Amino acid sequence: GESVDHGQELEKAKILNSVYEERLREQTRELQAARSLAAEREEQLKTEQEIQHRKESEALLTANADLVELRALLAAIEPQAVRLKMLEEENAELRKQQELAKKKEASYVSK
């Protein structure tokens, strides 16, 4: 009777073994699917980062170019601003002299 039991044990073991192998294959497939999904996502993220980086670089280049233009503009305006200030001061001086002249005239007239 022992050999029969042994045969049954062997059958059970074979069945269990095939069940385990099937599970293992399933898990391996799931793992591979998860891995490829992760790899895809990583690739996608890398691409997104590169795009973002490129956009930031372009924005920075544009901002720098604008800054350079602005500085050139300021450099061009600076002498004019200085000249304008001088003219305003001259103008203020002339106005003072006119006021004085008017006052003197008024005092002559009143005399």
C-alpha atoms as a PDB file:
ATOM      1  CA  GLY A   1       0.000   0.000   0.000  1.00  0.00           C
ATOM      2  CA  GLU A   2       2.931   2.291   0.535  1.00  0.00           C
ATOM      3  CA  SER A   3       3.809   2.567  -3.153  1.00  0.00           C
ATOM      4  CA  VAL A   4       0.233   3.721  -3.923  1.00  0.00           C
ATOM      5  CA  ASP A   5       0.505   6.481  -1.317  1.00  0.00           C
ATOM      6  CA  HIS A   6       3.846   7.432  -2.749  1.00  0.00           C
ATOM      7  CA  GLY A   7       2.300   7.626  -6.230  1.00  0.00           C
ATOM      8  CA  GLN A   8      -0.494   9.879  -4.938  1.00  0.00           C
ATOM      9  CA  GLU A   9       2.009  12.108  -3.141  1.00  0.00           C
ATOM     10  CA  LEU A  10       3.976  12.379  -6.354  1.00  0.00           C
ATOM     11  CA  GLU A  11       0.802  13.353  -8.305  1.00  0.00           C
ATOM     12  CA  LYS A  12      -0.093  15.969  -5.687  1.00  0.00           C
ATOM     13  CA  ALA A  13       3.430  17.339  -5.764  1.00  0.00           C
ATOM     14  CA  LYS A  14       3.361  17.534  -9.580  1.00  0.00           C
ATOM     15  CA  ILE A  15       0.017  19.393  -9.547  1.00  0.00           C
ATOM     16  CA  LEU A  16       1.198  21.800  -6.839  1.00  0.00           C
ATOM     17  CA  ASN A  17       4.409  22.295  -8.744  1.00  0.00           C
ATOM     18  CA  SER A  18       2.586  23.182 -11.960  1.00  0.00           C
ATOM     19  CA  VAL A  19       0.291  25.557 -10.035  1.00  0.00           C
ATOM     20  CA  TYR A  20       3.332  27.275  -8.511  1.00  0.00           C
ATOM     21  CA  GLU A  21       5.042  27.458 -11.892  1.00  0.00           C
ATOM     22  CA  GLU A  22       1.936  29.055 -13.410  1.00  0.00           C
ATOM     23  CA  ARG A  23       1.796  31.599 -10.582  1.00  0.00           C
ATOM     24  CA  LEU A  24       5.475  32.307 -11.007  1.00  0.00           C
ATOM     25  CA  ARG A  25       4.999  32.876 -14.745  1.00  0.00           C
ATOM     26  CA  GLU A  26       2.066  35.218 -14.050  1.00  0.00           C
ATOM     27  CA  GLN A  27       4.069  37.167 -11.489  1.00  0.00           C
ATOM     28  CA  THR A  28       7.006  37.338 -13.896  1.00  0.00           C
ATOM     29  CA  ARG A  29       4.708  38.683 -16.626  1.00  0.00           C
ATOM     30  CA  GLU A  30       3.239  41.257 -14.238  1.00  0.00           C
ATOM     31  CA  LEU A  31       6.706  42.269 -13.115  1.00  0.00           C
ATOM     32  CA  GLN A  32       7.877  42.683 -16.714  1.00  0.00           C
ATOM     33  CA  ALA A  33       4.773  44.691 -17.548  1.00  0.00           C
ATOM     34  CA  ALA A  34       5.370  46.902 -14.495  1.00  0.00           C
ATOM     35  CA  ARG A  35       9.039  47.294 -15.452  1.00  0.00           C
ATOM     36  CA  SER A  36       8.282  48.328 -19.018  1.00  0.00           C
ATOM     37  CA  LEU A  37       5.595  50.723 -17.766  1.00  0.00           C
ATOM     38  CA  ALA A  38       8.103  52.242 -15.338  1.00  0.00           C
ATOM     39  CA  ALA A  39      10.675  52.528 -18.129  1.00  0.00           C
ATOM     40  CA  GLU A  40       8.115  54.241 -20.381  1.00  0.00           C
ATOM     41  CA  ARG A  41       7.151  56.640 -17.612  1.00  0.00           C
ATOM     42  CA  GLU A  42      10.798  57.394 -16.911  1.00  0.00           C
ATOM     43  CA  GLU A  43      11.390  58.102 -20.597  1.00  0.00           C
ATOM     44  CA  GLN A  44       8.301  60.327 -20.646  1.00  0.00           C
ATOM     45  CA  LEU A  45       9.495  62.229 -17.587  1.00  0.00           C
ATOM     46  CA  LYS A  46      12.953  62.663 -19.101  1.00  0.00           C
ATOM     47  CA  THR A  47      11.395  64.039 -22.275  1.00  0.00           C
ATOM     48  CA  GLU A  48       9.136  66.377 -20.276  1.00  0.00           C
ATOM     49  CA  GLN A  49      12.120  67.591 -18.268  1.00  0.00           C
ATOM     50  CA  GLU A  50      14.131  68.187 -21.438  1.00  0.00           C
ATOM     51  CA  ILE A  51      11.236  70.137 -22.970  1.00  0.00           C
ATOM     52  CA  GLN A  52      10.845  72.156 -19.763  1.00  0.00           C
ATOM     53  CA  HIS A  53      14.585  72.782 -19.641  1.00  0.00           C
ATOM     54  CA  ARG A  54      14.603  73.912 -23.267  1.00  0.00           C
ATOM     55  CA  LYS A  55      11.675  76.265 -22.615  1.00  0.00           C
ATOM     56  CA  GLU A  56      13.438  77.716 -19.564  1.00  0.00           C
ATOM     57  CA  SER A  57      16.678  78.120 -21.519  1.00  0.00           C
ATOM     58  CA  GLU A  58      14.841  79.880 -24.349  1.00  0.00           C
ATOM     59  CA  ALA A  59      13.033  82.119 -21.880  1.00  0.00           C
ATOM     60  CA  LEU A  60      16.355  82.923 -20.236  1.00  0.00           C
ATOM     61  CA  LEU A  61      17.989  83.699 -23.583  1.00  0.00           C
ATOM     62  CA  THR A  62      15.075  85.958 -24.518  1.00  0.00           C
ATOM     63  CA  ALA A  63      15.239  87.701 -21.141  1.00  0.00           C
ATOM     64  CA  ASN A  64      19.004  88.193 -21.539  1.00  0.00           C
ATOM     65  CA  ALA A  65      18.567  89.594 -25.034  1.00  0.00           C
ATOM     66  CA  ASP A  66      15.885  91.959 -23.717  1.00  0.00           C
ATOM     67  CA  LEU A  67      18.200  92.997 -20.913  1.00  0.00           C
ATOM     68  CA  VAL A  68      21.030  93.713 -23.344  1.00  0.00           C
ATOM     69  CA  GLU A  69      18.646  95.774 -25.496  1.00  0.00           C
ATOM     70  CA  LEU A  70      17.366  97.606 -22.446  1.00  0.00           C
ATOM     71  CA  ARG A  71      20.894  98.393 -21.290  1.00  0.00           C
ATOM     72  CA  ALA A  72      21.781  99.729 -24.728  1.00  0.00           C
ATOM     73  CA  LEU A  73      18.651 101.848 -24.661  1.00  0.00           C
ATOM     74  CA  LEU A  74      19.510 103.172 -21.199  1.00  0.00           C
ATOM     75  CA  ALA A  75      23.050 103.940 -22.326  1.00  0.00           C
ATOM     76  CA  ALA A  76      21.630 105.889 -25.278  1.00  0.00           C
ATOM     77  CA  ILE A  77      19.123 107.727 -23.079  1.00  0.00           C
ATOM     78  CA  GLU A  78      21.582 108.571 -20.290  1.00  0.00           C
ATOM     79  CA  PRO A  79      23.347 111.488 -22.052  1.00  0.00           C
ATOM     80  CA  GLN A  80      19.969 112.882 -23.096  1.00  0.00           C
ATOM     81  CA  ALA A  81      18.748 112.649 -19.501  1.00  0.00           C
ATOM     82  CA  VAL A  82      21.841 114.529 -18.309  1.00  0.00           C
ATOM     83  CA  ARG A  83      21.324 117.157 -21.015  1.00  0.00           C
ATOM     84  CA  LEU A  84      17.640 117.493 -20.085  1.00  0.00           C
ATOM     85  CA  LYS A  85      18.548 118.055 -16.446  1.00  0.00           C
ATOM     86  CA  MET A  86      21.001 120.765 -17.438  1.00  0.00           C
ATOM     87  CA  LEU A  87      18.358 122.421 -19.612  1.00  0.00           C
ATOM     88  CA  GLU A  88      15.833 122.284 -16.751  1.00  0.00           C
ATOM     89  CA  GLU A  89      18.352 123.919 -14.448  1.00  0.00           C
ATOM     90  CA  GLU A  90      19.099 126.605 -17.036  1.00  0.00           C
ATOM     91  CA  ASN A  91      15.372 127.126 -17.480  1.00  0.00           C
ATOM     92  CA  ALA A  92      14.837 127.486 -13.733  1.00  0.00           C
ATOM     93  CA  GLU A  93      17.700 130.005 -13.594  1.00  0.00           C
ATOM     94  CA  LEU A  94      16.202 132.022 -16.461  1.00  0.00           C
ATOM     95  CA  ARG A  95      12.822 132.015 -14.726  1.00  0.00           C
ATOM     96  CA  LYS A  96      14.403 133.372 -11.555  1.00  0.00           C
ATOM     97  CA  GLN A  97      16.065 136.148 -13.533  1.00  0.00           C
ATOM     98  CA  GLN A  98      12.764 136.967 -15.250  1.00  0.00           C
ATOM     99  CA  GLU A  99      11.008 137.173 -11.882  1.00  0.00           C
ATOM    100  CA  LEU A 100      13.722 139.471 -10.591  1.00  0.00           C
ATOM    101  CA  ALA A 101      13.495 141.623 -13.702  1.00  0.00           C
ATOM    102  CA  LYS A 102       9.705 141.847 -13.348  1.00  0.00           C
ATOM    103  CA  LYS A 103      10.035 142.858  -9.700  1.00  0.00           C
ATOM    104  CA  LYS A 104      12.622 145.520 -10.568  1.00  0.00           C
ATOM    105  CA  GLU A 105      10.400 146.789 -13.376  1.00  0.00           C
ATOM    106  CA  ALA A 106       7.418 146.906 -11.031  1.00  0.00           C
ATOM    107  CA  SER A 107       9.425 148.822  -8.481  1.00  0.00           C
ATOM    108  CA  TYR A 108      10.572 151.327 -11.168  1.00  0.00           C
ATOM    109  CA  VAL A 109       7.003 151.762 -12.355  1.00  0.00           C
ATOM    110  CA  SER A 110       5.731 152.338  -8.852  1.00  0.00           C
ATOM    111  CA  LYS A 111       8.352 155.010  -8.251  1.00  0.00           C
END
